[in-house]
Amino acid sequence: MNTITWSDFEKVEMRIGTIIEVNDFPEARKPAYQLIIDFGIEIGIKKTSAQIKKRYIKGDLLNKQIVAVVNFPVKQIGKFMSECLVLGSIGNENDIVLLSSDIKVENGLRIG
């Protein structure tokens, strides 16, 4: 395990957002969804893809508050531009459980 400094940690913008749209992503190499996430007024709406089909169906994701890194550079995945990275624990065989807030909070709040 590599050790980082507090300064390194402060550079990572982890924020709470609400998933407002979930779409299939048939062009992805591994089963994935395209997510549209509302991070509040300051950050706005961002989109990403997530390989979470093993654990979640679309209806489970809609209106779910999740944690994501919002200050990575945009990454092209096929014809899709990913603007953030949702966070989750990774289990056996890439079974991902999204990190989320157990109490509804304001979109855009920083994780720290």
PDB file of N, CA and C in Angstrom:
ATOM      1  N   MET A   1       0.852  -1.181   0.000  1.00  0.00           N
ATOM      2  CA  MET A   1       0.000   0.000   0.000  1.00  0.00           C
ATOM      3  C   MET A   1       0.894   1.239   0.000  1.00  0.00           C
ATOM      4  N   ASN A   2       0.607   2.161  -0.906  1.00  0.00           N
ATOM      5  CA  ASN A   2       1.338   3.425  -0.969  1.00  0.00           C
ATOM      6  C   ASN A   2       0.725   4.426  -0.008  1.00  0.00           C
ATOM      7  N   THR A   3       1.558   5.165   0.664  1.00  0.00           N
ATOM      8  CA  THR A   3       1.108   6.211   1.576  1.00  0.00           C
ATOM      9  C   THR A   3       1.019   7.534   0.814  1.00  0.00           C
ATOM     10  N   ILE A   4      -0.041   8.309   1.070  1.00  0.00           N
ATOM     11  CA  ILE A   4      -0.170   9.639   0.477  1.00  0.00           C
ATOM     12  C   ILE A   4      -0.168  10.668   1.594  1.00  0.00           C
ATOM     13  N   THR A   5       0.026  11.906   1.217  1.00  0.00           N
ATOM     14  CA  THR A   5       0.005  12.993   2.192  1.00  0.00           C
ATOM     15  C   THR A   5      -1.411  13.572   2.269  1.00  0.00           C
ATOM     16  N   TRP A   6      -1.639  14.370   3.299  1.00  0.00           N
ATOM     17  CA  TRP A   6      -2.928  15.057   3.418  1.00  0.00           C
ATOM     18  C   TRP A   6      -3.151  15.949   2.201  1.00  0.00           C
ATOM     19  N   SER A   7      -2.085  16.565   1.740  1.00  0.00           N
ATOM     20  CA  SER A   7      -2.159  17.425   0.558  1.00  0.00           C
ATOM     21  C   SER A   7      -2.629  16.631  -0.667  1.00  0.00           C
ATOM     22  N   ASP A   8      -2.143  15.396  -0.827  1.00  0.00           N
ATOM     23  CA  ASP A   8      -2.589  14.542  -1.927  1.00  0.00           C
ATOM     24  C   ASP A   8      -4.092  14.274  -1.815  1.00  0.00           C
ATOM     25  N   PHE A   9      -4.545  13.935  -0.626  1.00  0.00           N
ATOM     26  CA  PHE A   9      -5.960  13.628  -0.396  1.00  0.00           C
ATOM     27  C   PHE A   9      -6.842  14.830  -0.715  1.00  0.00           C
ATOM     28  N   GLU A  10      -6.395  16.013  -0.337  1.00  0.00           N
ATOM     29  CA  GLU A  10      -7.198  17.221  -0.559  1.00  0.00           C
ATOM     30  C   GLU A  10      -7.406  17.529  -2.042  1.00  0.00           C
ATOM     31  N   LYS A  11      -6.568  17.002  -2.899  1.00  0.00           N
ATOM     32  CA  LYS A  11      -6.702  17.231  -4.343  1.00  0.00           C
ATOM     33  C   LYS A  11      -7.854  16.440  -4.952  1.00  0.00           C
ATOM     34  N   VAL A  12      -8.282  15.372  -4.286  1.00  0.00           N
ATOM     35  CA  VAL A  12      -9.338  14.520  -4.820  1.00  0.00           C
ATOM     36  C   VAL A  12     -10.693  15.090  -4.403  1.00  0.00           C
ATOM     37  N   GLU A  13     -11.486  15.501  -5.396  1.00  0.00           N
ATOM     38  CA  GLU A  13     -12.813  16.087  -5.146  1.00  0.00           C
ATOM     39  C   GLU A  13     -13.864  14.986  -5.167  1.00  0.00           C
ATOM     40  N   MET A  14     -14.148  14.413  -4.010  1.00  0.00           N
ATOM     41  CA  MET A  14     -15.218  13.417  -3.897  1.00  0.00           C
ATOM     42  C   MET A  14     -16.468  14.150  -3.440  1.00  0.00           C
ATOM     43  N   ARG A  15     -17.544  13.973  -4.192  1.00  0.00           N
ATOM     44  CA  ARG A  15     -18.792  14.690  -3.909  1.00  0.00           C
ATOM     45  C   ARG A  15     -19.985  13.740  -3.932  1.00  0.00           C
ATOM     46  N   ILE A  16     -21.041  14.162  -3.254  1.00  0.00           N
ATOM     47  CA  ILE A  16     -22.321  13.447  -3.279  1.00  0.00           C
ATOM     48  C   ILE A  16     -23.121  13.926  -4.487  1.00  0.00           C
ATOM     49  N   GLY A  17     -23.700  12.974  -5.207  1.00  0.00           N
ATOM     50  CA  GLY A  17     -24.563  13.307  -6.333  1.00  0.00           C
ATOM     51  C   GLY A  17     -25.733  12.346  -6.388  1.00  0.00           C
ATOM     52  N   THR A  18     -26.800  12.767  -7.046  1.00  0.00           N
ATOM     53  CA  THR A  18     -27.983  11.933  -7.219  1.00  0.00           C
ATOM     54  C   THR A  18     -28.085  11.484  -8.663  1.00  0.00           C
ATOM     55  N   ILE A  19     -28.234  10.180  -8.855  1.00  0.00           N
ATOM     56  CA  ILE A  19     -28.394   9.633 -10.208  1.00  0.00           C
ATOM     57  C   ILE A  19     -29.785  10.015 -10.708  1.00  0.00           C
ATOM     58  N   ILE A  20     -29.835  10.762 -11.810  1.00  0.00           N
ATOM     59  CA  ILE A  20     -31.118  11.231 -12.332  1.00  0.00           C
ATOM     60  C   ILE A  20     -31.527  10.525 -13.624  1.00  0.00           C
ATOM     61  N   GLU A  21     -30.592   9.772 -14.214  1.00  0.00           N
ATOM     62  CA  GLU A  21     -30.914   9.031 -15.427  1.00  0.00           C
ATOM     63  C   GLU A  21     -29.973   7.832 -15.536  1.00  0.00           C
ATOM     64  N   VAL A  22     -30.524   6.700 -15.971  1.00  0.00           N
ATOM     65  CA  VAL A  22     -29.746   5.470 -16.152  1.00  0.00           C
ATOM     66  C   VAL A  22     -30.074   4.909 -17.527  1.00  0.00           C
ATOM     67  N   ASN A  23     -29.031   4.681 -18.320  1.00  0.00           N
ATOM     68  CA  ASN A  23     -29.227   4.139 -19.670  1.00  0.00           C
ATOM     69  C   ASN A  23     -28.350   2.916 -19.878  1.00  0.00           C
ATOM     70  N   ASP A  24     -28.826   1.995 -20.696  1.00  0.00           N
ATOM     71  CA  ASP A  24     -27.995   0.859 -21.082  1.00  0.00           C
ATOM     72  C   ASP A  24     -26.812   1.377 -21.893  1.00  0.00           C
ATOM     73  N   PHE A  25     -25.728   0.625 -21.888  1.00  0.00           N
ATOM     74  CA  PHE A  25     -24.520   0.993 -22.623  1.00  0.00           C
ATOM     75  C   PHE A  25     -24.043  -0.235 -23.407  1.00  0.00           C
ATOM     76  N   PRO A  26     -24.785  -0.597 -24.459  1.00  0.00           N
ATOM     77  CA  PRO A  26     -24.477  -1.833 -25.189  1.00  0.00           C
ATOM     78  C   PRO A  26     -23.114  -1.818 -25.879  1.00  0.00           C
ATOM     79  N   GLU A  27     -22.554  -0.641 -26.133  1.00  0.00           N
ATOM     80  CA  GLU A  27     -21.254  -0.546 -26.799  1.00  0.00           C
ATOM     81  C   GLU A  27     -20.084  -0.849 -25.858  1.00  0.00           C
ATOM     82  N   ALA A  28     -20.323  -0.868 -24.553  1.00  0.00           N
ATOM     83  CA  ALA A  28     -19.251  -1.106 -23.581  1.00  0.00           C
ATOM     84  C   ALA A  28     -18.721  -2.537 -23.719  1.00  0.00           C
ATOM     85  N   ARG A  29     -17.432  -2.701 -23.471  1.00  0.00           N
ATOM     86  CA  ARG A  29     -16.807  -4.026 -23.561  1.00  0.00           C
ATOM     87  C   ARG A  29     -17.326  -4.969 -22.484  1.00  0.00           C
ATOM     88  N   LYS A  30     -17.538  -4.431 -21.280  1.00  0.00           N
ATOM     89  CA  LYS A  30     -18.095  -5.203 -20.169  1.00  0.00           C
ATOM     90  C   LYS A  30     -19.450  -4.596 -19.835  1.00  0.00           C
ATOM     91  N   PRO A  31     -20.401  -5.398 -19.334  1.00  0.00           N
ATOM     92  CA  PRO A  31     -21.742  -4.868 -19.058  1.00  0.00           C
ATOM     93  C   PRO A  31     -21.701  -3.615 -18.166  1.00  0.00           C
ATOM     94  N   ALA A  32     -22.304  -2.538 -18.656  1.00  0.00           N
ATOM     95  CA  ALA A  32     -22.250  -1.261 -17.945  1.00  0.00           C
ATOM     96  C   ALA A  32     -23.507  -0.445 -18.210  1.00  0.00           C
ATOM     97  N   TYR A  33     -23.707   0.553 -17.347  1.00  0.00           N
ATOM     98  CA  TYR A  33     -24.749   1.559 -17.543  1.00  0.00           C
ATOM     99  C   TYR A  33     -24.080   2.904 -17.806  1.00  0.00           C
ATOM    100  N   GLN A  34     -24.796   3.775 -18.477  1.00  0.00           N
ATOM    101  CA  GLN A  34     -24.443   5.189 -18.545  1.00  0.00           C
ATOM    102  C   GLN A  34     -25.280   5.885 -17.480  1.00  0.00           C
ATOM    103  N   LEU A  35     -24.630   6.650 -16.621  1.00  0.00           N
ATOM    104  CA  LEU A  35     -25.315   7.346 -15.537  1.00  0.00           C
ATOM    105  C   LEU A  35     -25.223   8.849 -15.749  1.00  0.00           C
ATOM    106  N   ILE A  36     -26.321   9.537 -15.508  1.00  0.00           N
ATOM    107  CA  ILE A  36     -26.359  10.998 -15.485  1.00  0.00           C
ATOM    108  C   ILE A  36     -26.578  11.374 -14.018  1.00  0.00           C
ATOM    109  N   ILE A  37     -25.662  12.194 -13.479  1.00  0.00           N
ATOM    110  CA  ILE A  37     -25.655  12.464 -12.036  1.00  0.00           C
ATOM    111  C   ILE A  37     -25.714  13.968 -11.777  1.00  0.00           C
ATOM    112  N   ASP A  38     -26.591  14.366 -10.865  1.00  0.00           N
ATOM    113  CA  ASP A  38     -26.739  15.767 -10.458  1.00  0.00           C
ATOM    114  C   ASP A  38     -25.880  16.013  -9.225  1.00  0.00           C
ATOM    115  N   PHE A  39     -24.881  16.900  -9.374  1.00  0.00           N
ATOM    116  CA  PHE A  39     -23.994  17.259  -8.266  1.00  0.00           C
ATOM    117  C   PHE A  39     -24.307  18.648  -7.712  1.00  0.00           C
ATOM    118  N   GLY A  40     -25.489  19.157  -7.957  1.00  0.00           N
ATOM    119  CA  GLY A  40     -25.888  20.445  -7.391  1.00  0.00           C
ATOM    120  C   GLY A  40     -25.461  21.618  -8.243  1.00  0.00           C
ATOM    121  N   ILE A  41     -25.782  22.802  -7.753  1.00  0.00           N
ATOM    122  CA  ILE A  41     -25.601  24.040  -8.512  1.00  0.00           C
ATOM    123  C   ILE A  41     -24.135  24.306  -8.854  1.00  0.00           C
ATOM    124  N   GLU A  42     -23.240  24.132  -7.909  1.00  0.00           N
ATOM    125  CA  GLU A  42     -21.826  24.476  -8.119  1.00  0.00           C
ATOM    126  C   GLU A  42     -21.165  23.615  -9.200  1.00  0.00           C
ATOM    127  N   ILE A  43     -21.447  22.317  -9.209  1.00  0.00           N
ATOM    128  CA  ILE A  43     -20.781  21.388 -10.131  1.00  0.00           C
ATOM    129  C   ILE A  43     -21.671  21.054 -11.322  1.00  0.00           C
ATOM    130  N   GLY A  44     -22.956  20.929 -11.085  1.00  0.00           N
ATOM    131  CA  GLY A  44     -23.897  20.659 -12.165  1.00  0.00           C
ATOM    132  C   GLY A  44     -24.080  19.182 -12.457  1.00  0.00           C
ATOM    133  N   ILE A  45     -24.484  18.896 -13.680  1.00  0.00           N
ATOM    134  CA  ILE A  45     -24.786  17.543 -14.133  1.00  0.00           C
ATOM    135  C   ILE A  45     -23.534  16.960 -14.797  1.00  0.00           C
ATOM    136  N   LYS A  46     -23.196  15.731 -14.430  1.00  0.00           N
ATOM    137  CA  LYS A  46     -22.081  15.024 -15.060  1.00  0.00           C
ATOM    138  C   LYS A  46     -22.536  13.629 -15.453  1.00  0.00           C
ATOM    139  N   LYS A  47     -21.859  13.070 -16.442  1.00  0.00           N
ATOM    140  CA  LYS A  47     -22.197  11.716 -16.887  1.00  0.00           C
ATOM    141  C   LYS A  47     -20.984  10.807 -16.735  1.00  0.00           C
ATOM    142  N   THR A  48     -21.258   9.526 -16.590  1.00  0.00           N
ATOM    143  CA  THR A  48     -20.212   8.529 -16.464  1.00  0.00           C
ATOM    144  C   THR A  48     -20.773   7.176 -16.869  1.00  0.00           C
ATOM    145  N   SER A  49     -19.878   6.223 -17.007  1.00  0.00           N
ATOM    146  CA  SER A  49     -20.322   4.842 -17.193  1.00  0.00           C
ATOM    147  C   SER A  49     -19.848   4.047 -15.992  1.00  0.00           C
ATOM    148  N   ALA A  50     -20.560   2.989 -15.675  1.00  0.00           N
ATOM    149  CA  ALA A  50     -20.208   2.180 -14.510  1.00  0.00           C
ATOM    150  C   ALA A  50     -20.545   0.721 -14.783  1.00  0.00           C
ATOM    151  N   GLN A  51     -19.593  -0.148 -14.485  1.00  0.00           N
ATOM    152  CA  GLN A  51     -19.773  -1.590 -14.668  1.00  0.00           C
ATOM    153  C   GLN A  51     -20.412  -2.170 -13.403  1.00  0.00           C
ATOM    154  N   ILE A  52     -21.689  -1.885 -13.234  1.00  0.00           N
ATOM    155  CA  ILE A  52     -22.391  -2.264 -12.000  1.00  0.00           C
ATOM    156  C   ILE A  52     -23.628  -3.112 -12.263  1.00  0.00           C
ATOM    157  N   LYS A  53     -23.724  -3.707 -13.435  1.00  0.00           N
ATOM    158  CA  LYS A  53     -24.913  -4.475 -13.810  1.00  0.00           C
ATOM    159  C   LYS A  53     -25.056  -5.778 -13.028  1.00  0.00           C
ATOM    160  N   LYS A  54     -23.975  -6.300 -12.448  1.00  0.00           N
ATOM    161  CA  LYS A  54     -24.069  -7.528 -11.644  1.00  0.00           C
ATOM    162  C   LYS A  54     -24.923  -7.300 -10.404  1.00  0.00           C
ATOM    163  N   ARG A  55     -24.844  -6.118  -9.850  1.00  0.00           N
ATOM    164  CA  ARG A  55     -25.468  -5.819  -8.562  1.00  0.00           C
ATOM    165  C   ARG A  55     -26.762  -5.017  -8.700  1.00  0.00           C
ATOM    166  N   TYR A  56     -26.858  -4.141  -9.709  1.00  0.00           N
ATOM    167  CA  TYR A  56     -27.959  -3.176  -9.774  1.00  0.00           C
ATOM    168  C   TYR A  56     -28.774  -3.305 -11.062  1.00  0.00           C
ATOM    169  N   ILE A  57     -30.086  -3.073 -10.917  1.00  0.00           N
ATOM    170  CA  ILE A  57     -30.940  -2.868 -12.082  1.00  0.00           C
ATOM    171  C   ILE A  57     -31.224  -1.367 -12.157  1.00  0.00           C
ATOM    172  N   LYS A  58     -31.664  -0.921 -13.316  1.00  0.00           N
ATOM    173  CA  LYS A  58     -31.849   0.522 -13.517  1.00  0.00           C
ATOM    174  C   LYS A  58     -32.732   1.159 -12.450  1.00  0.00           C
ATOM    175  N   GLY A  59     -33.829   0.510 -12.100  1.00  0.00           N
ATOM    176  CA  GLY A  59     -34.754   1.072 -11.118  1.00  0.00           C
ATOM    177  C   GLY A  59     -34.144   1.268  -9.742  1.00  0.00           C
ATOM    178  N   ASP A  60     -33.157   0.437  -9.382  1.00  0.00           N
ATOM    179  CA  ASP A  60     -32.479   0.582  -8.088  1.00  0.00           C
ATOM    180  C   ASP A  60     -31.579   1.815  -8.053  1.00  0.00           C
ATOM    181  N   LEU A  61     -31.137   2.251  -9.224  1.00  0.00           N
ATOM    182  CA  LEU A  61     -30.158   3.338  -9.298  1.00  0.00           C
ATOM    183  C   LEU A  61     -30.790   4.720  -9.383  1.00  0.00           C
ATOM    184  N   LEU A  62     -31.950   4.806  -9.985  1.00  0.00           N
ATOM    185  CA  LEU A  62     -32.597   6.104 -10.176  1.00  0.00           C
ATOM    186  C   LEU A  62     -32.878   6.763  -8.830  1.00  0.00           C
ATOM    187  N   ASN A  63     -32.451   7.997  -8.672  1.00  0.00           N
ATOM    188  CA  ASN A  63     -32.595   8.817  -7.463  1.00  0.00           C
ATOM    189  C   ASN A  63     -31.705   8.367  -6.300  1.00  0.00           C
ATOM    190  N   LYS A  64     -30.770   7.465  -6.546  1.00  0.00           N
ATOM    191  CA  LYS A  64     -29.833   7.024  -5.515  1.00  0.00           C
ATOM    192  C   LYS A  64     -28.714   8.050  -5.384  1.00  0.00           C
ATOM    193  N   GLN A  65     -28.388   8.409  -4.148  1.00  0.00           N
ATOM    194  CA  GLN A  65     -27.259   9.301  -3.909  1.00  0.00           C
ATOM    195  C   GLN A  65     -25.987   8.457  -3.812  1.00  0.00           C
ATOM    196  N   ILE A  66     -24.965   8.886  -4.553  1.00  0.00           N
ATOM    197  CA  ILE A  66     -23.716   8.142  -4.608  1.00  0.00           C
ATOM    198  C   ILE A  66     -22.536   9.090  -4.364  1.00  0.00           C
ATOM    199  N   VAL A  67     -21.359   8.499  -4.205  1.00  0.00           N
ATOM    200  CA  VAL A  67     -20.119   9.260  -4.061  1.00  0.00           C
ATOM    201  C   VAL A  67     -19.320   9.106  -5.351  1.00  0.00           C
ATOM    202  N   ALA A  68     -18.792  10.219  -5.855  1.00  0.00           N
ATOM    203  CA  ALA A  68     -17.997  10.181  -7.081  1.00  0.00           C
ATOM    204  C   ALA A  68     -16.856  11.183  -7.011  1.00  0.00           C
ATOM    205  N   VAL A  69     -15.802  10.897  -7.746  1.00  0.00           N
ATOM    206  CA  VAL A  69     -14.700  11.843  -7.933  1.00  0.00           C
ATOM    207  C   VAL A  69     -15.074  12.699  -9.139  1.00  0.00           C
ATOM    208  N   VAL A  70     -15.093  14.021  -8.943  1.00  0.00           N
ATOM    209  CA  VAL A  70     -15.573  14.917 -10.001  1.00  0.00           C
ATOM    210  C   VAL A  70     -14.461  15.731 -10.659  1.00  0.00           C
ATOM    211  N   ASN A  71     -13.211  15.558 -10.231  1.00  0.00           N
ATOM    212  CA  ASN A  71     -12.144  16.374 -10.818  1.00  0.00           C
ATOM    213  C   ASN A  71     -11.107  15.565 -11.595  1.00  0.00           C
ATOM    214  N   PHE A  72     -11.498  14.390 -12.108  1.00  0.00           N
ATOM    215  CA  PHE A  72     -10.652  13.680 -13.056  1.00  0.00           C
ATOM    216  C   PHE A  72     -10.841  14.308 -14.430  1.00  0.00           C
ATOM    217  N   PRO A  73      -9.853  14.184 -15.316  1.00  0.00           N
ATOM    218  CA  PRO A  73     -10.073  14.650 -16.689  1.00  0.00           C
ATOM    219  C   PRO A  73     -11.136  13.789 -17.375  1.00  0.00           C
ATOM    220  N   VAL A  74     -11.805  14.364 -18.341  1.00  0.00           N
ATOM    221  CA  VAL A  74     -12.814  13.635 -19.109  1.00  0.00           C
ATOM    222  C   VAL A  74     -12.129  12.470 -19.816  1.00  0.00           C
ATOM    223  N   LYS A  75     -12.823  11.315 -19.841  1.00  0.00           N
ATOM    224  CA  LYS A  75     -12.264  10.114 -20.469  1.00  0.00           C
ATOM    225  C   LYS A  75     -13.247   9.596 -21.512  1.00  0.00           C
ATOM    226  N   GLN A  76     -12.747   9.340 -22.702  1.00  0.00           N
ATOM    227  CA  GLN A  76     -13.610   8.819 -23.758  1.00  0.00           C
ATOM    228  C   GLN A  76     -13.677   7.301 -23.662  1.00  0.00           C
ATOM    229  N   ILE A  77     -14.901   6.782 -23.632  1.00  0.00           N
ATOM    230  CA  ILE A  77     -15.155   5.345 -23.614  1.00  0.00           C
ATOM    231  C   ILE A  77     -16.034   5.063 -24.827  1.00  0.00           C
ATOM    232  N   GLY A  78     -15.415   4.616 -25.905  1.00  0.00           N
ATOM    233  CA  GLY A  78     -16.141   4.479 -27.163  1.00  0.00           C
ATOM    234  C   GLY A  78     -16.563   5.855 -27.640  1.00  0.00           C
ATOM    235  N   LYS A  79     -17.853   6.021 -27.922  1.00  0.00           N
ATOM    236  CA  LYS A  79     -18.384   7.324 -28.341  1.00  0.00           C
ATOM    237  C   LYS A  79     -18.872   8.147 -27.150  1.00  0.00           C
ATOM    238  N   PHE A  80     -18.722   7.603 -25.949  1.00  0.00           N
ATOM    239  CA  PHE A  80     -19.251   8.221 -24.731  1.00  0.00           C
ATOM    240  C   PHE A  80     -18.134   8.929 -23.973  1.00  0.00           C
ATOM    241  N   MET A  81     -18.420  10.126 -23.472  1.00  0.00           N
ATOM    242  CA  MET A  81     -17.448  10.886 -22.683  1.00  0.00           C
ATOM    243  C   MET A  81     -17.808  10.791 -21.203  1.00  0.00           C
ATOM    244  N   SER A  82     -16.924  10.176 -20.416  1.00  0.00           N
ATOM    245  CA  SER A  82     -17.139  10.032 -18.980  1.00  0.00           C
ATOM    246  C   SER A  82     -16.528  11.234 -18.264  1.00  0.00           C
ATOM    247  N   GLU A  83     -17.326  11.882 -17.402  1.00  0.00           N
ATOM    248  CA  GLU A  83     -16.918  13.132 -16.766  1.00  0.00           C
ATOM    249  C   GLU A  83     -16.639  13.010 -15.267  1.00  0.00           C
ATOM    250  N   CYS A  84     -16.882  11.844 -14.692  1.00  0.00           N
ATOM    251  CA  CYS A  84     -16.615  11.630 -13.270  1.00  0.00           C
ATOM    252  C   CYS A  84     -16.428  10.138 -13.034  1.00  0.00           C
ATOM    253  N   LEU A  85     -16.063   9.766 -11.829  1.00  0.00           N
ATOM    254  CA  LEU A  85     -15.845   8.360 -11.491  1.00  0.00           C
ATOM    255  C   LEU A  85     -16.640   8.022 -10.240  1.00  0.00           C
ATOM    256  N   VAL A  86     -17.668   7.166 -10.397  1.00  0.00           N
ATOM    257  CA  VAL A  86     -18.422   6.728  -9.221  1.00  0.00           C
ATOM    258  C   VAL A  86     -17.539   5.776  -8.419  1.00  0.00           C
ATOM    259  N   LEU A  87     -17.688   5.813  -7.103  1.00  0.00           N
ATOM    260  CA  LEU A  87     -16.860   4.998  -6.219  1.00  0.00           C
ATOM    261  C   LEU A  87     -17.663   3.858  -5.625  1.00  0.00           C
ATOM    262  N   GLY A  88     -16.995   2.740  -5.434  1.00  0.00           N
ATOM    263  CA  GLY A  88     -17.647   1.586  -4.835  1.00  0.00           C
ATOM    264  C   GLY A  88     -16.614   0.585  -4.356  1.00  0.00           C
ATOM    265  N   SER A  89     -17.073  -0.325  -3.526  1.00  0.00           N
ATOM    266  CA  SER A  89     -16.196  -1.413  -3.094  1.00  0.00           C
ATOM    267  C   SER A  89     -16.237  -2.489  -4.182  1.00  0.00           C
ATOM    268  N   ILE A  90     -15.086  -3.122  -4.415  1.00  0.00           N
ATOM    269  CA  ILE A  90     -14.984  -4.113  -5.479  1.00  0.00           C
ATOM    270  C   ILE A  90     -14.816  -5.481  -4.851  1.00  0.00           C
ATOM    271  N   GLY A  91     -15.822  -6.340  -5.060  1.00  0.00           N
ATOM    272  CA  GLY A  91     -15.791  -7.689  -4.517  1.00  0.00           C
ATOM    273  C   GLY A  91     -15.306  -8.693  -5.545  1.00  0.00           C
ATOM    274  N   ASN A  92     -15.552  -9.947  -5.264  1.00  0.00           N
ATOM    275  CA  ASN A  92     -15.167 -11.022  -6.175  1.00  0.00           C
ATOM    276  C   ASN A  92     -15.793 -10.825  -7.543  1.00  0.00           C
ATOM    277  N   GLU A  93     -15.031 -11.129  -8.578  1.00  0.00           N
ATOM    278  CA  GLU A  93     -15.508 -11.070  -9.956  1.00  0.00           C
ATOM    279  C   GLU A  93     -16.088  -9.703 -10.325  1.00  0.00           C
ATOM    280  N   ASN A  94     -15.451  -8.648  -9.815  1.00  0.00           N
ATOM    281  CA  ASN A  94     -15.826  -7.272 -10.139  1.00  0.00           C
ATOM    282  C   ASN A  94     -17.259  -6.931  -9.720  1.00  0.00           C
ATOM    283  N   ASP A  95     -17.712  -7.506  -8.621  1.00  0.00           N
ATOM    284  CA  ASP A  95     -19.041  -7.204  -8.078  1.00  0.00           C
ATOM    285  C   ASP A  95     -18.927  -5.918  -7.268  1.00  0.00           C
ATOM    286  N   ILE A  96     -19.375  -4.805  -7.841  1.00  0.00           N
ATOM    287  CA  ILE A  96     -19.176  -3.484  -7.253  1.00  0.00           C
ATOM    288  C   ILE A  96     -20.416  -3.038  -6.488  1.00  0.00           C
ATOM    289  N   VAL A  97     -20.199  -2.566  -5.251  1.00  0.00           N
ATOM    290  CA  VAL A  97     -21.251  -1.971  -4.438  1.00  0.00           C
ATOM    291  C   VAL A  97     -20.928  -0.486  -4.319  1.00  0.00           C
ATOM    292  N   LEU A  98     -21.835   0.349  -4.809  1.00  0.00           N
ATOM    293  CA  LEU A  98     -21.608   1.792  -4.815  1.00  0.00           C
ATOM    294  C   LEU A  98     -21.541   2.371  -3.409  1.00  0.00           C
ATOM    295  N   LEU A  99     -20.650   3.345  -3.222  1.00  0.00           N
ATOM    296  CA  LEU A  99     -20.618   4.102  -1.973  1.00  0.00           C
ATOM    297  C   LEU A  99     -21.739   5.124  -2.033  1.00  0.00           C
ATOM    298  N   SER A 100     -22.469   5.246  -0.935  1.00  0.00           N
ATOM    299  CA  SER A 100     -23.609   6.151  -0.926  1.00  0.00           C
ATOM    300  C   SER A 100     -23.806   6.727   0.474  1.00  0.00           C
ATOM    301  N   SER A 101     -24.683   7.708   0.547  1.00  0.00           N
ATOM    302  CA  SER A 101     -25.043   8.303   1.831  1.00  0.00           C
ATOM    303  C   SER A 101     -26.266   7.572   2.371  1.00  0.00           C
ATOM    304  N   ASP A 102     -26.236   7.218   3.649  1.00  0.00           N
ATOM    305  CA  ASP A 102     -27.402   6.533   4.223  1.00  0.00           C
ATOM    306  C   ASP A 102     -28.505   7.510   4.603  1.00  0.00           C
ATOM    307  N   ILE A 103     -28.193   8.806   4.583  1.00  0.00           N
ATOM    308  CA  ILE A 103     -29.177   9.861   4.838  1.00  0.00           C
ATOM    309  C   ILE A 103     -29.122  10.818   3.657  1.00  0.00           C
ATOM    310  N   LYS A 104     -30.276  11.215   3.125  1.00  0.00           N
ATOM    311  CA  LYS A 104     -30.302  12.136   1.991  1.00  0.00           C
ATOM    312  C   LYS A 104     -29.682  13.472   2.405  1.00  0.00           C
ATOM    313  N   VAL A 105     -28.723  13.906   1.591  1.00  0.00           N
ATOM    314  CA  VAL A 105     -28.037  15.174   1.838  1.00  0.00           C
ATOM    315  C   VAL A 105     -28.057  16.009   0.562  1.00  0.00           C
ATOM    316  N   GLU A 106     -27.567  17.226   0.663  1.00  0.00           N
ATOM    317  CA  GLU A 106     -27.527  18.140  -0.470  1.00  0.00           C
ATOM    318  C   GLU A 106     -26.530  17.647  -1.523  1.00  0.00           C
ATOM    319  N   ASN A 107     -26.973  17.637  -2.780  1.00  0.00           N
ATOM    320  CA  ASN A 107     -26.056  17.270  -3.867  1.00  0.00           C
ATOM    321  C   ASN A 107     -24.873  18.227  -3.907  1.00  0.00           C
ATOM    322  N   GLY A 108     -23.692  17.686  -4.160  1.00  0.00           N
ATOM    323  CA  GLY A 108     -22.485  18.490  -4.270  1.00  0.00           C
ATOM    324  C   GLY A 108     -21.672  18.568  -3.005  1.00  0.00           C
ATOM    325  N   LEU A 109     -22.204  18.066  -1.878  1.00  0.00           N
ATOM    326  CA  LEU A 109     -21.408  18.122  -0.651  1.00  0.00           C
ATOM    327  C   LEU A 109     -20.125  17.336  -0.834  1.00  0.00           C
ATOM    328  N   ARG A 110     -19.042  17.899  -0.299  1.00  0.00           N
ATOM    329  CA  ARG A 110     -17.716  17.279  -0.429  1.00  0.00           C
ATOM    330  C   ARG A 110     -17.539  16.183   0.618  1.00  0.00           C
ATOM    331  N   ILE A 111     -16.883  15.118   0.218  1.00  0.00           N
ATOM    332  CA  ILE A 111     -16.529  14.026   1.123  1.00  0.00           C
ATOM    333  C   ILE A 111     -15.154  14.337   1.681  1.00  0.00           C
ATOM    334  N   GLY A 112     -14.988  14.174   2.966  1.00  0.00           N
ATOM    335  CA  GLY A 112     -13.682  14.468   3.564  1.00  0.00           C
ATOM    336  C   GLY A 112     -13.531  13.791   4.894  1.00  0.00           C
TER     337      GLY A 112
END
